[in-house]
Amino acid sequence: MAAIDIIGEDRAMALIRASVIPDAAALADTLVAGGIHAIEFTFTTPDVERHIERALSSDSGALIGAGSVLTPAQARSALDAGAQFIATPGLSPQVAQIAAEASVPLMMGAFTPSEIMQALAQGVWAVKVFPAQTAGPEHFEHLLGPMPMAKLIASGGIVAENARSFLDAGAYAVTAGSSVVPAESLAESDWTDIRDRAAAFTAALRG
C-alpha cells in the first residue's frame, strides 16, 4: 500500500494553517495519537518548509504534505523539504507537471464538474472540493454520479458534527482544520486539547 493511501484508511487528513507552530514534530505525534495520520502544512504558514522538515523527524509515521501551493517555486521548495504530497487550492498544470516529474501524489482544489474533469485529466491522486460547506453533502452525490471514479475530499467548514454526512454522500475523505487544531491551542502547545479534538473528530467519522 502506498503511503498516501493512509488518507483513505483514516478517511481524514488535518490541514494546518497557523501563524505559530511551536513544534511540528510534537503536533504530528499528537494528531496520530488522535487518529489522524495525514497532515498538510499550508504555504500560508510562515517558514512552512521548516515545519515540514520538523514534522518528518517525528517517529509517529505521519504522512506530511504541503498545501496551498500556488506556484512551481513553492512546489519545488516543498519537495526539497521532503513533502510527501502536494495540494493546490485550484487548477495548476505547472504544479501538476512538477509533482508528476517527482512522482509525488497531487491533490487539486476544484468545485464544479468541469474543474474536477480538468483536475482528473492532470493526473491528480484526489480532488479537494472546496469550499465543501457551501454546497453541502448533496453536492458530492451529484458530482459522483457521472464521475464515480473520482476521489473527492471535502475541505472547508468540516467539523465533527457534519463530517460523517460528507462521507455518507460519497466523499473519499474529509479535511479537519481549525476545529481540530485551533490556533490558540497550537500556539500554547496544548497537545492534550488537540489530541482530544482529533480523537473526537475521528470518532464522529466512525459514527
Protein backbone atom coordinates (compact mmCIF):
# COMPACT_ATOMS: atom_id res chain seq x y z
CA MET A 1 0.00 0.00 0.00
CA ALA A 2 1.28 3.44 -0.91
CA ALA A 3 1.77 5.85 1.99
CA ILE A 4 -0.77 8.28 0.52
CA ASP A 5 -3.49 5.64 0.87
CA ILE A 6 -3.45 6.23 4.61
CA ILE A 7 -5.87 9.09 3.92
CA GLY A 8 -8.37 6.58 2.59
CA GLU A 9 -7.91 4.40 5.65
CA ASP A 10 -8.47 7.26 8.11
CA ARG A 11 -10.97 8.98 5.80
CA ALA A 12 -9.46 12.18 7.14
CA MET A 13 -6.49 14.48 6.96
CA ALA A 14 -5.50 17.51 9.03
CA LEU A 15 -4.90 20.89 7.42
CA ILE A 16 -2.62 23.20 9.39
CA ARG A 17 -2.93 26.92 8.70
CA ALA A 18 -1.31 28.86 11.52
CA SER A 19 0.96 31.79 12.22
CA VAL A 20 2.79 29.95 15.01
CA ILE A 21 3.76 26.27 15.24
CA PRO A 22 5.99 25.69 18.29
CA ASP A 23 6.89 22.09 17.43
CA ALA A 24 5.68 20.44 14.24
CA ALA A 25 7.04 17.05 15.30
CA ALA A 26 5.03 17.17 18.54
CA LEU A 27 1.98 18.20 16.52
CA ALA A 28 2.43 15.19 14.23
CA ASP A 29 2.74 12.89 17.25
CA THR A 30 -0.39 14.41 18.75
CA LEU A 31 -2.55 14.11 15.65
CA VAL A 32 -1.50 10.50 15.08
CA ALA A 33 -2.37 9.75 18.71
CA GLY A 34 -5.81 11.19 17.97
CA GLY A 35 -6.25 9.02 14.88
CA ILE A 36 -5.28 11.39 12.05
CA HIS A 37 -2.14 10.27 10.22
CA ALA A 38 -2.03 12.65 7.22
CA ILE A 39 -1.08 16.27 7.83
CA GLU A 40 -0.99 19.12 5.33
CA PHE A 41 1.06 22.21 6.23
CA THR A 42 -0.04 25.17 4.11
CA PHE A 43 2.11 27.79 2.46
CA THR A 44 0.10 30.45 4.28
CA THR A 45 2.10 29.38 7.35
CA PRO A 46 5.37 31.27 7.86
CA ASP A 47 8.50 29.18 7.32
CA VAL A 48 6.40 26.21 6.26
CA GLU A 49 9.35 24.31 4.83
CA ARG A 50 11.00 24.16 8.25
CA HIS A 51 7.79 22.84 9.78
CA ILE A 52 7.53 20.13 7.11
CA GLU A 53 11.10 19.05 7.82
CA ARG A 54 10.47 19.06 11.57
CA ALA A 55 7.24 17.07 11.24
CA LEU A 56 9.04 14.48 9.14
CA SER A 57 11.50 13.96 12.01
CA SER A 58 8.67 12.61 14.16
CA ASP A 59 8.63 8.89 14.90
CA SER A 60 4.84 8.81 14.54
CA GLY A 61 4.86 7.67 10.92
CA ALA A 62 2.68 10.61 9.92
CA LEU A 63 2.22 11.42 6.24
CA ILE A 64 3.40 15.01 5.74
CA GLY A 65 2.45 17.19 2.79
CA ALA A 66 2.37 20.78 1.60
CA GLY A 67 -0.83 22.65 0.86
CA SER A 68 -1.96 25.97 -0.61
CA VAL A 69 0.78 25.51 -3.20
CA LEU A 70 0.26 28.27 -5.75
CA THR A 71 3.44 28.33 -7.84
CA PRO A 72 6.05 25.99 -9.29
CA ALA A 73 8.63 27.61 -6.99
CA GLN A 74 6.57 26.70 -3.94
CA ALA A 75 6.11 23.16 -5.21
CA ARG A 76 9.86 22.72 -5.66
CA SER A 77 10.54 24.21 -2.24
CA ALA A 78 8.04 21.84 -0.62
CA LEU A 79 9.59 18.84 -2.34
CA ASP A 80 13.07 19.95 -1.27
CA ALA A 81 11.77 19.99 2.31
CA GLY A 82 10.59 16.40 1.89
CA ALA A 83 6.85 16.87 1.37
CA GLN A 84 5.21 13.52 0.64
CA PHE A 85 2.28 15.04 -1.24
CA ILE A 86 1.32 18.39 -2.77
CA ALA A 87 -2.05 20.13 -2.63
CA THR A 88 -3.18 23.17 -4.60
CA PRO A 89 -6.28 25.29 -3.92
CA GLY A 90 -7.18 25.31 -7.61
CA LEU A 91 -6.10 24.06 -11.01
CA SER A 92 -2.41 24.42 -11.85
CA PRO A 93 -0.91 22.50 -14.80
CA GLN A 94 2.53 23.83 -13.88
CA VAL A 95 2.42 22.40 -10.37
CA ALA A 96 0.93 19.19 -11.74
CA GLN A 97 3.94 18.78 -14.02
CA ILE A 98 6.40 19.23 -11.15
CA ALA A 99 4.55 16.72 -8.97
CA ALA A 100 4.47 14.22 -11.84
CA GLU A 101 8.18 14.60 -12.52
CA ALA A 102 8.89 13.97 -8.82
CA SER A 103 6.39 11.06 -8.66
CA VAL A 104 4.68 12.75 -5.71
CA PRO A 105 0.91 12.46 -5.22
CA LEU A 106 -1.01 15.61 -6.08
CA MET A 107 -4.36 16.94 -4.88
CA MET A 108 -6.01 19.85 -6.64
CA GLY A 109 -8.80 22.06 -5.44
CA ALA A 110 -11.97 22.22 -7.55
CA PHE A 111 -15.67 22.84 -7.14
CA THR A 112 -17.53 22.41 -10.42
CA PRO A 113 -17.81 19.32 -12.65
CA SER A 114 -15.69 21.00 -15.32
CA GLU A 115 -12.94 21.84 -12.83
CA ILE A 116 -12.94 18.30 -11.48
CA MET A 117 -12.68 16.92 -15.01
CA GLN A 118 -9.67 19.17 -15.65
CA ALA A 119 -8.04 18.07 -12.40
CA LEU A 120 -8.55 14.39 -13.20
CA ALA A 121 -7.06 14.95 -16.66
CA GLN A 122 -3.89 16.25 -15.00
CA GLY A 123 -3.33 13.01 -13.13
CA VAL A 124 -4.28 14.05 -9.62
CA TRP A 125 -4.45 11.47 -6.85
CA ALA A 126 -7.54 13.16 -5.43
CA VAL A 127 -9.61 16.33 -5.81
CA LYS A 128 -10.25 18.57 -2.82
CA VAL A 129 -13.73 20.02 -3.23
CA PHE A 130 -13.56 23.48 -1.68
CA PRO A 131 -15.43 25.08 -0.06
CA ALA A 132 -17.39 21.93 0.77
CA GLN A 133 -19.65 23.51 3.35
CA THR A 134 -21.01 25.98 0.79
CA ALA A 135 -22.83 23.34 -1.25
CA GLY A 136 -23.21 20.66 1.39
CA PRO A 137 -23.04 16.86 1.17
CA GLU A 138 -25.57 16.68 -1.67
CA HIS A 139 -23.02 18.35 -3.94
CA PHE A 140 -20.83 15.25 -3.62
CA GLU A 141 -23.67 12.92 -4.55
CA HIS A 142 -24.33 14.91 -7.71
CA LEU A 143 -20.65 15.15 -8.67
CA LEU A 144 -20.03 11.44 -8.20
CA GLY A 145 -22.99 10.45 -10.37
CA PRO A 146 -21.12 10.98 -13.66
CA MET A 147 -17.63 10.67 -12.11
CA PRO A 148 -17.78 7.72 -9.69
CA MET A 149 -14.06 7.07 -10.10
CA ALA A 150 -13.08 10.42 -8.59
CA LYS A 151 -11.61 10.58 -5.09
CA LEU A 152 -13.28 13.70 -3.71
CA ILE A 153 -12.04 15.14 -0.42
CA ALA A 154 -14.37 17.54 1.37
CA SER A 155 -12.48 20.62 2.54
CA GLY A 156 -13.67 23.83 4.13
CA GLY A 157 -16.10 24.09 7.02
CA ILE A 158 -15.81 20.45 8.04
CA VAL A 159 -16.33 19.81 11.75
CA ALA A 160 -17.10 16.73 13.83
CA GLU A 161 -20.82 17.48 13.65
CA ASN A 162 -21.06 17.38 9.84
CA ALA A 163 -18.07 15.30 8.74
CA ARG A 164 -19.88 11.97 8.62
CA SER A 165 -22.58 13.37 6.34
CA PHE A 166 -19.97 14.13 3.67
CA LEU A 167 -18.59 10.59 3.85
CA ASP A 168 -22.11 9.19 3.63
CA ALA A 169 -22.61 11.29 0.49
CA GLY A 170 -19.61 9.63 -1.14
CA ALA A 171 -16.64 11.79 -0.16
CA TYR A 172 -13.41 9.78 -0.08
CA ALA A 173 -12.19 11.70 2.97
CA VAL A 174 -12.66 14.96 4.84
CA THR A 175 -10.26 17.66 5.96
CA ALA A 176 -10.03 18.66 9.61
CA GLY A 177 -8.96 22.26 10.08
CA SER A 178 -9.15 24.77 12.89
CA SER A 179 -11.88 22.85 14.72
CA VAL A 180 -9.27 20.17 15.45
CA VAL A 181 -6.14 22.33 15.54
CA PRO A 182 -7.19 25.76 16.88
CA ALA A 183 -4.54 28.45 16.50
CA GLU A 184 -4.64 29.23 20.23
CA SER A 185 -4.16 25.61 21.32
CA LEU A 186 -1.33 25.21 18.82
CA ALA A 187 0.43 28.42 19.91
CA GLU A 188 0.22 27.30 23.55
CA SER A 189 1.40 23.74 22.76
CA ASP A 190 -1.79 22.38 24.26
CA TRP A 191 -1.24 18.91 22.86
CA THR A 192 -3.87 17.34 25.10
CA ASP A 193 -6.59 19.59 23.69
CA ILE A 194 -5.54 18.91 20.09
CA ARG A 195 -5.31 15.15 20.69
CA ASP A 196 -8.77 15.11 22.24
CA ARG A 197 -10.22 17.14 19.37
CA ALA A 198 -8.65 14.80 16.82
CA ALA A 199 -9.99 11.77 18.67
CA ALA A 200 -13.49 13.28 18.78
CA PHE A 201 -13.32 14.08 15.07
CA THR A 202 -12.24 10.56 14.07
CA ALA A 203 -14.84 9.03 16.40
CA ALA A 204 -17.52 11.06 14.62
CA LEU A 205 -16.37 9.62 11.29
CA ARG A 206 -16.92 6.12 12.58
CA GLY A 207 -20.23 7.14 13.72
